[in-house]
Amino acid sequence: QVRLTEYGGGSVQAGGSLRLSCTGTRHYVGNYCFAWFRQAPGEEREGVTALGTDGSLIYASPVKGRFTMAEDNARPALTLQMNSLKPEDTGMYYCAAYGASLGDCYTGPGLRPIAPELFDYWGPGIQVIVSS
């Protein structure tokens, strides 16, 4: 059973930075597909970044160049470093995973580039608020 938990959310002014962590990933990286999603009030859940089983990383266009996902082997955890934050980055952020073998496991035919319907395991989510 994969149990994911997010840490590190909070409130920050526009232009600031936050670092989120997702624990519960030990022994699973390489055999599982991982992703970060976010959901703003009244909006659909959207993929932010995903890590394929082959180590490939994909980022959603709105966060490219500002967000970075990485493995923290010391904890262990998957981290999401968020820089140059904007008010539109506000929302609940979720870590998600599922067992996979394909490298680009985060998408499929007819699906969004990071497709939430593929993921079986979800953390409870953590709030990120960016004020202008």
N, C-alpha and C. Protein backbone atom coordinates (compact mmCIF):
# COMPACT_ATOMS: atom_id res chain seq x y z
N GLN A 1 0.84 -1.18 0.00
CA GLN A 1 0.00 0.00 0.00
C GLN A 1 0.89 1.25 0.00
N VAL A 2 0.66 2.12 -0.94
CA VAL A 2 1.42 3.36 -1.03
C VAL A 2 0.67 4.44 -0.26
N ARG A 3 1.32 5.01 0.72
CA ARG A 3 0.71 6.11 1.48
C ARG A 3 1.53 7.37 1.26
N LEU A 4 0.91 8.32 0.65
CA LEU A 4 1.59 9.56 0.30
C LEU A 4 1.12 10.69 1.21
N THR A 5 2.04 11.55 1.58
CA THR A 5 1.71 12.71 2.41
C THR A 5 2.50 13.91 1.92
N GLU A 6 1.82 15.02 1.76
CA GLU A 6 2.45 16.25 1.31
C GLU A 6 2.81 17.12 2.51
N TYR A 7 3.93 17.84 2.38
CA TYR A 7 4.37 18.79 3.39
C TYR A 7 4.86 20.06 2.70
N GLY A 8 4.88 21.15 3.47
CA GLY A 8 5.57 22.35 3.00
C GLY A 8 4.71 23.43 2.41
N GLY A 9 3.41 23.26 2.41
CA GLY A 9 2.56 24.31 1.87
C GLY A 9 2.54 25.54 2.76
N GLY A 10 1.80 26.54 2.34
CA GLY A 10 1.68 27.75 3.15
C GLY A 10 1.30 28.93 2.30
N SER A 11 1.51 30.10 2.88
CA SER A 11 1.17 31.36 2.20
C SER A 11 2.46 32.11 1.88
N VAL A 12 2.48 32.71 0.71
CA VAL A 12 3.66 33.45 0.27
C VAL A 12 3.20 34.57 -0.65
N GLN A 13 3.98 35.62 -0.72
CA GLN A 13 3.67 36.70 -1.64
C GLN A 13 4.14 36.35 -3.05
N ALA A 14 3.52 36.98 -4.02
CA ALA A 14 3.91 36.76 -5.41
C ALA A 14 5.40 37.04 -5.58
N GLY A 15 6.04 36.15 -6.34
CA GLY A 15 7.48 36.25 -6.54
C GLY A 15 8.28 35.42 -5.57
N GLY A 16 7.62 34.92 -4.54
CA GLY A 16 8.30 34.11 -3.54
C GLY A 16 8.41 32.66 -3.95
N SER A 17 8.91 31.85 -3.01
CA SER A 17 9.17 30.43 -3.28
C SER A 17 8.60 29.57 -2.16
N LEU A 18 8.24 28.35 -2.52
CA LEU A 18 7.86 27.31 -1.57
C LEU A 18 8.43 25.99 -2.06
N ARG A 19 8.69 25.10 -1.12
CA ARG A 19 9.17 23.76 -1.48
C ARG A 19 8.24 22.74 -0.85
N LEU A 20 7.57 21.97 -1.69
CA LEU A 20 6.69 20.92 -1.21
C LEU A 20 7.44 19.59 -1.21
N SER A 21 7.08 18.74 -0.29
CA SER A 21 7.64 17.39 -0.24
C SER A 21 6.53 16.36 -0.21
N CYS A 22 6.78 15.23 -0.82
CA CYS A 22 5.84 14.11 -0.82
C CYS A 22 6.58 12.90 -0.26
N THR A 23 6.18 12.45 0.92
CA THR A 23 6.81 11.28 1.52
C THR A 23 5.97 10.04 1.26
N GLY A 24 6.60 8.88 1.52
CA GLY A 24 5.92 7.61 1.25
C GLY A 24 6.32 7.03 -0.09
N THR A 25 7.40 7.56 -0.68
CA THR A 25 7.80 7.14 -2.01
C THR A 25 8.94 6.12 -2.01
N ARG A 26 9.44 5.77 -0.83
CA ARG A 26 10.57 4.84 -0.75
C ARG A 26 10.25 3.54 -1.45
N HIS A 27 11.22 3.00 -2.17
CA HIS A 27 11.14 1.72 -2.89
C HIS A 27 10.24 1.77 -4.11
N TYR A 28 9.59 2.88 -4.36
CA TYR A 28 8.63 2.91 -5.45
C TYR A 28 9.12 3.63 -6.69
N VAL A 29 10.08 4.56 -6.51
CA VAL A 29 10.58 5.30 -7.66
C VAL A 29 11.25 4.31 -8.61
N GLY A 30 10.86 4.37 -9.88
CA GLY A 30 11.34 3.43 -10.88
C GLY A 30 10.31 2.37 -11.21
N ASN A 31 9.43 2.08 -10.26
CA ASN A 31 8.36 1.11 -10.48
C ASN A 31 6.99 1.76 -10.48
N TYR A 32 6.96 3.01 -10.08
CA TYR A 32 5.71 3.74 -10.02
C TYR A 32 5.83 5.04 -10.80
N CYS A 33 4.72 5.50 -11.27
CA CYS A 33 4.62 6.80 -11.91
C CYS A 33 4.21 7.79 -10.82
N PHE A 34 4.87 8.95 -10.77
CA PHE A 34 4.56 9.97 -9.77
C PHE A 34 4.20 11.28 -10.45
N ALA A 35 3.37 12.03 -9.78
CA ALA A 35 3.00 13.35 -10.32
C ALA A 35 2.57 14.27 -9.20
N TRP A 36 2.66 15.54 -9.48
CA TRP A 36 2.06 16.58 -8.65
C TRP A 36 0.89 17.16 -9.44
N PHE A 37 -0.23 17.31 -8.76
CA PHE A 37 -1.41 17.95 -9.32
C PHE A 37 -1.78 19.14 -8.44
N ARG A 38 -2.60 20.01 -8.97
CA ARG A 38 -3.14 21.09 -8.16
C ARG A 38 -4.58 21.35 -8.59
N GLN A 39 -5.31 21.94 -7.66
CA GLN A 39 -6.71 22.25 -7.93
C GLN A 39 -7.07 23.54 -7.24
N ALA A 40 -7.46 24.51 -8.04
CA ALA A 40 -7.94 25.78 -7.50
C ALA A 40 -9.44 25.67 -7.24
N PRO A 41 -9.97 26.47 -6.34
CA PRO A 41 -11.41 26.42 -6.06
C PRO A 41 -12.24 26.58 -7.32
N GLY A 42 -13.17 25.67 -7.55
CA GLY A 42 -14.05 25.75 -8.70
C GLY A 42 -13.43 25.32 -10.01
N GLU A 43 -12.19 24.84 -9.95
CA GLU A 43 -11.50 24.43 -11.15
C GLU A 43 -11.25 22.93 -11.16
N GLU A 44 -10.95 22.40 -12.35
CA GLU A 44 -10.58 20.99 -12.47
C GLU A 44 -9.18 20.77 -11.90
N ARG A 45 -8.93 19.53 -11.47
CA ARG A 45 -7.58 19.18 -11.05
C ARG A 45 -6.69 19.13 -12.28
N GLU A 46 -5.51 19.75 -12.18
CA GLU A 46 -4.61 19.79 -13.32
C GLU A 46 -3.23 19.26 -12.94
N GLY A 47 -2.60 18.62 -13.90
CA GLY A 47 -1.26 18.12 -13.67
C GLY A 47 -0.24 19.25 -13.70
N VAL A 48 0.70 19.20 -12.78
CA VAL A 48 1.75 20.22 -12.69
C VAL A 48 3.06 19.66 -13.24
N THR A 49 3.43 18.48 -12.78
CA THR A 49 4.65 17.83 -13.23
C THR A 49 4.54 16.35 -12.96
N ALA A 50 5.26 15.55 -13.73
CA ALA A 50 5.20 14.09 -13.56
C ALA A 50 6.57 13.48 -13.80
N LEU A 51 6.81 12.37 -13.10
CA LEU A 51 8.07 11.62 -13.21
C LEU A 51 7.74 10.23 -13.71
N GLY A 52 8.27 9.90 -14.91
CA GLY A 52 8.03 8.58 -15.46
C GLY A 52 8.95 7.54 -14.85
N THR A 53 8.64 6.28 -15.11
CA THR A 53 9.44 5.19 -14.55
C THR A 53 10.84 5.14 -15.15
N ASP A 54 11.03 5.82 -16.27
CA ASP A 54 12.36 5.88 -16.90
C ASP A 54 13.12 7.13 -16.49
N GLY A 55 12.57 7.86 -15.52
CA GLY A 55 13.23 9.08 -15.05
C GLY A 55 12.87 10.32 -15.84
N SER A 56 12.03 10.18 -16.84
CA SER A 56 11.63 11.35 -17.63
C SER A 56 10.75 12.26 -16.79
N LEU A 57 10.93 13.56 -17.01
CA LEU A 57 10.15 14.57 -16.31
C LEU A 57 9.37 15.39 -17.32
N ILE A 58 8.13 15.71 -16.99
CA ILE A 58 7.32 16.59 -17.81
C ILE A 58 6.73 17.66 -16.93
N TYR A 59 6.63 18.86 -17.46
CA TYR A 59 6.07 19.99 -16.73
C TYR A 59 4.94 20.61 -17.54
N ALA A 60 3.91 21.03 -16.85
CA ALA A 60 2.84 21.77 -17.50
C ALA A 60 3.37 23.13 -17.94
N SER A 61 2.85 23.64 -19.03
CA SER A 61 3.35 24.90 -19.59
C SER A 61 3.33 26.06 -18.60
N PRO A 62 2.27 26.22 -17.78
CA PRO A 62 2.25 27.38 -16.87
C PRO A 62 3.36 27.39 -15.83
N VAL A 63 4.00 26.25 -15.58
CA VAL A 63 5.01 26.20 -14.52
C VAL A 63 6.42 25.94 -15.04
N LYS A 64 6.56 25.74 -16.33
CA LYS A 64 7.89 25.47 -16.90
C LYS A 64 8.84 26.61 -16.58
N GLY A 65 10.03 26.25 -16.16
CA GLY A 65 11.04 27.25 -15.83
C GLY A 65 10.90 27.80 -14.42
N ARG A 66 9.78 27.51 -13.74
CA ARG A 66 9.59 28.01 -12.37
C ARG A 66 9.53 26.89 -11.34
N PHE A 67 8.99 25.75 -11.74
CA PHE A 67 8.84 24.61 -10.82
C PHE A 67 9.83 23.52 -11.21
N THR A 68 10.33 22.81 -10.18
CA THR A 68 11.25 21.70 -10.42
C THR A 68 10.92 20.55 -9.47
N MET A 69 10.70 19.37 -10.04
CA MET A 69 10.51 18.17 -9.22
C MET A 69 11.83 17.43 -9.13
N ALA A 70 12.11 16.91 -7.94
CA ALA A 70 13.36 16.19 -7.75
C ALA A 70 13.16 15.13 -6.68
N GLU A 71 14.09 14.17 -6.66
CA GLU A 71 14.09 13.15 -5.61
C GLU A 71 15.01 13.60 -4.49
N ASP A 72 14.53 13.49 -3.26
CA ASP A 72 15.35 13.76 -2.10
C ASP A 72 15.65 12.41 -1.46
N ASN A 73 16.78 11.83 -1.80
CA ASN A 73 17.09 10.48 -1.34
C ASN A 73 17.38 10.42 0.15
N ALA A 74 17.68 11.56 0.75
CA ALA A 74 18.01 11.57 2.18
C ALA A 74 16.79 11.34 3.04
N ARG A 75 15.63 11.71 2.57
CA ARG A 75 14.44 11.64 3.44
C ARG A 75 13.78 10.29 3.51
N PRO A 76 13.40 9.56 2.47
CA PRO A 76 13.33 9.98 1.07
C PRO A 76 11.99 10.64 0.75
N ALA A 77 11.97 11.42 -0.29
CA ALA A 77 10.76 12.12 -0.68
C ALA A 77 10.91 12.64 -2.11
N LEU A 78 9.80 12.97 -2.68
CA LEU A 78 9.82 13.71 -3.94
C LEU A 78 9.50 15.16 -3.60
N THR A 79 10.29 16.07 -4.11
CA THR A 79 10.09 17.47 -3.78
C THR A 79 9.60 18.24 -5.00
N LEU A 80 8.92 19.33 -4.74
CA LEU A 80 8.49 20.25 -5.78
C LEU A 80 8.94 21.64 -5.36
N GLN A 81 9.99 22.12 -5.97
CA GLN A 81 10.49 23.46 -5.70
C GLN A 81 9.73 24.43 -6.58
N MET A 82 9.07 25.40 -5.97
CA MET A 82 8.24 26.35 -6.71
C MET A 82 8.81 27.74 -6.52
N ASN A 83 9.31 28.33 -7.59
CA ASN A 83 9.89 29.67 -7.56
C ASN A 83 9.04 30.64 -8.37
N SER A 84 9.28 31.91 -8.16
CA SER A 84 8.56 32.97 -8.89
C SER A 84 7.06 32.71 -8.86
N LEU A 85 6.54 32.44 -7.70
CA LEU A 85 5.13 32.08 -7.57
C LEU A 85 4.22 33.23 -7.97
N LYS A 86 3.08 32.85 -8.53
CA LYS A 86 2.09 33.81 -8.99
C LYS A 86 0.77 33.52 -8.28
N PRO A 87 -0.10 34.51 -8.18
CA PRO A 87 -1.41 34.26 -7.55
C PRO A 87 -2.17 33.10 -8.19
N GLU A 88 -1.99 32.91 -9.49
CA GLU A 88 -2.69 31.81 -10.17
C GLU A 88 -2.12 30.44 -9.82
N ASP A 89 -1.05 30.39 -9.05
CA ASP A 89 -0.54 29.11 -8.55
C ASP A 89 -1.27 28.68 -7.27
N THR A 90 -2.13 29.51 -6.78
CA THR A 90 -2.88 29.19 -5.57
C THR A 90 -3.77 27.97 -5.76
N GLY A 91 -3.80 27.09 -4.77
CA GLY A 91 -4.66 25.92 -4.83
C GLY A 91 -4.20 24.82 -3.89
N MET A 92 -4.93 23.72 -3.92
CA MET A 92 -4.51 22.52 -3.19
C MET A 92 -3.56 21.74 -4.09
N TYR A 93 -2.45 21.32 -3.52
CA TYR A 93 -1.47 20.56 -4.27
C TYR A 93 -1.46 19.12 -3.76
N TYR A 94 -1.47 18.18 -4.71
CA TYR A 94 -1.56 16.76 -4.39
C TYR A 94 -0.39 16.01 -5.03
N CYS A 95 0.14 15.07 -4.28
CA CYS A 95 1.10 14.12 -4.79
C CYS A 95 0.31 12.85 -5.15
N ALA A 96 0.65 12.21 -6.26
CA ALA A 96 -0.09 11.03 -6.70
C ALA A 96 0.87 10.01 -7.31
N ALA A 97 0.44 8.75 -7.31
CA ALA A 97 1.29 7.68 -7.84
C ALA A 97 0.43 6.50 -8.30
N TYR A 98 1.01 5.68 -9.17
CA TYR A 98 0.43 4.38 -9.49
C TYR A 98 1.52 3.49 -10.05
N GLY A 99 1.34 2.17 -9.89
CA GLY A 99 2.31 1.22 -10.40
C GLY A 99 2.29 1.20 -11.91
N ALA A 100 3.47 1.35 -12.54
CA ALA A 100 3.52 1.46 -14.00
C ALA A 100 4.82 0.87 -14.52
N SER A 101 4.81 0.54 -15.82
CA SER A 101 6.02 0.04 -16.46
C SER A 101 6.46 0.90 -17.64
N LEU A 102 5.52 1.65 -18.23
CA LEU A 102 5.86 2.50 -19.36
C LEU A 102 6.61 3.73 -18.88
N GLY A 103 7.59 4.17 -19.64
CA GLY A 103 8.35 5.35 -19.27
C GLY A 103 7.46 6.58 -19.15
N ASP A 104 6.69 6.84 -20.21
CA ASP A 104 5.81 8.01 -20.19
C ASP A 104 4.45 7.61 -19.63
N CYS A 105 4.47 7.14 -18.42
CA CYS A 105 3.30 6.55 -17.79
C CYS A 105 2.24 7.56 -17.40
N TYR A 106 2.54 8.83 -17.48
CA TYR A 106 1.64 9.88 -16.98
C TYR A 106 0.58 10.30 -17.98
N THR A 107 0.58 9.71 -19.17
CA THR A 107 -0.41 10.08 -20.17
C THR A 107 -0.77 8.85 -20.99
N GLY A 108 -1.70 9.02 -21.91
CA GLY A 108 -2.13 7.94 -22.77
C GLY A 108 -2.95 8.49 -23.92
N PRO A 109 -3.31 7.64 -24.86
CA PRO A 109 -4.09 8.10 -26.02
C PRO A 109 -5.36 8.80 -25.60
N GLY A 110 -5.53 9.99 -26.11
CA GLY A 110 -6.73 10.75 -25.81
C GLY A 110 -6.77 11.40 -24.45
N LEU A 111 -5.70 11.24 -23.69
CA LEU A 111 -5.67 11.80 -22.34
C LEU A 111 -4.86 13.09 -22.29
N ARG A 112 -5.04 13.84 -21.22
CA ARG A 112 -4.24 15.03 -21.02
C ARG A 112 -2.77 14.65 -20.81
N PRO A 113 -1.86 15.60 -20.99
CA PRO A 113 -0.42 15.28 -20.84
C PRO A 113 -0.06 14.69 -19.49
N ILE A 114 -0.74 15.10 -18.44
CA ILE A 114 -0.59 14.49 -17.11
C ILE A 114 -2.02 14.19 -16.66
N ALA A 115 -2.37 12.94 -16.77
CA ALA A 115 -3.78 12.54 -16.65
C ALA A 115 -4.10 12.03 -15.25
N PRO A 116 -4.90 12.75 -14.50
CA PRO A 116 -5.19 12.32 -13.13
C PRO A 116 -5.92 10.99 -13.05
N GLU A 117 -6.67 10.63 -14.07
CA GLU A 117 -7.45 9.39 -14.02
C GLU A 117 -6.57 8.14 -14.02
N LEU A 118 -5.29 8.29 -14.34
CA LEU A 118 -4.37 7.14 -14.33
C LEU A 118 -3.88 6.81 -12.92
N PHE A 119 -3.96 7.74 -12.01
CA PHE A 119 -3.29 7.61 -10.73
C PHE A 119 -4.21 7.01 -9.67
N ASP A 120 -3.67 6.02 -8.96
CA ASP A 120 -4.45 5.29 -7.95
C ASP A 120 -4.27 5.82 -6.54
N TYR A 121 -3.09 6.32 -6.25
CA TYR A 121 -2.76 6.70 -4.88
C TYR A 121 -2.58 8.21 -4.81
N TRP A 122 -3.22 8.80 -3.81
CA TRP A 122 -3.20 10.25 -3.66
C TRP A 122 -2.91 10.63 -2.21
N GLY A 123 -2.12 11.68 -2.04
CA GLY A 123 -1.98 12.26 -0.73
C GLY A 123 -3.21 13.09 -0.40
N PRO A 124 -3.35 13.52 0.85
CA PRO A 124 -4.52 14.30 1.25
C PRO A 124 -4.52 15.72 0.69
N GLY A 125 -3.38 16.17 0.20
CA GLY A 125 -3.31 17.52 -0.36
C GLY A 125 -2.80 18.53 0.65
N ILE A 126 -2.25 19.61 0.13
CA ILE A 126 -1.74 20.67 0.99
C ILE A 126 -2.01 22.01 0.31
N GLN A 127 -2.34 23.01 1.12
CA GLN A 127 -2.74 24.29 0.58
C GLN A 127 -1.53 25.17 0.26
N VAL A 128 -1.60 25.81 -0.90
CA VAL A 128 -0.63 26.83 -1.29
C VAL A 128 -1.42 28.09 -1.64
N ILE A 129 -1.07 29.19 -0.99
CA ILE A 129 -1.74 30.48 -1.24
C ILE A 129 -0.69 31.50 -1.63
N VAL A 130 -0.88 32.10 -2.79
CA VAL A 130 0.04 33.12 -3.26
C VAL A 130 -0.74 34.43 -3.37
N SER A 131 -0.32 35.41 -2.61
CA SER A 131 -1.01 36.70 -2.59
C SER A 131 -0.28 37.71 -3.47
N SER A 132 -1.06 38.61 -4.05
CA SER A 132 -0.46 39.61 -4.94
C SER A 132 0.02 40.81 -4.18
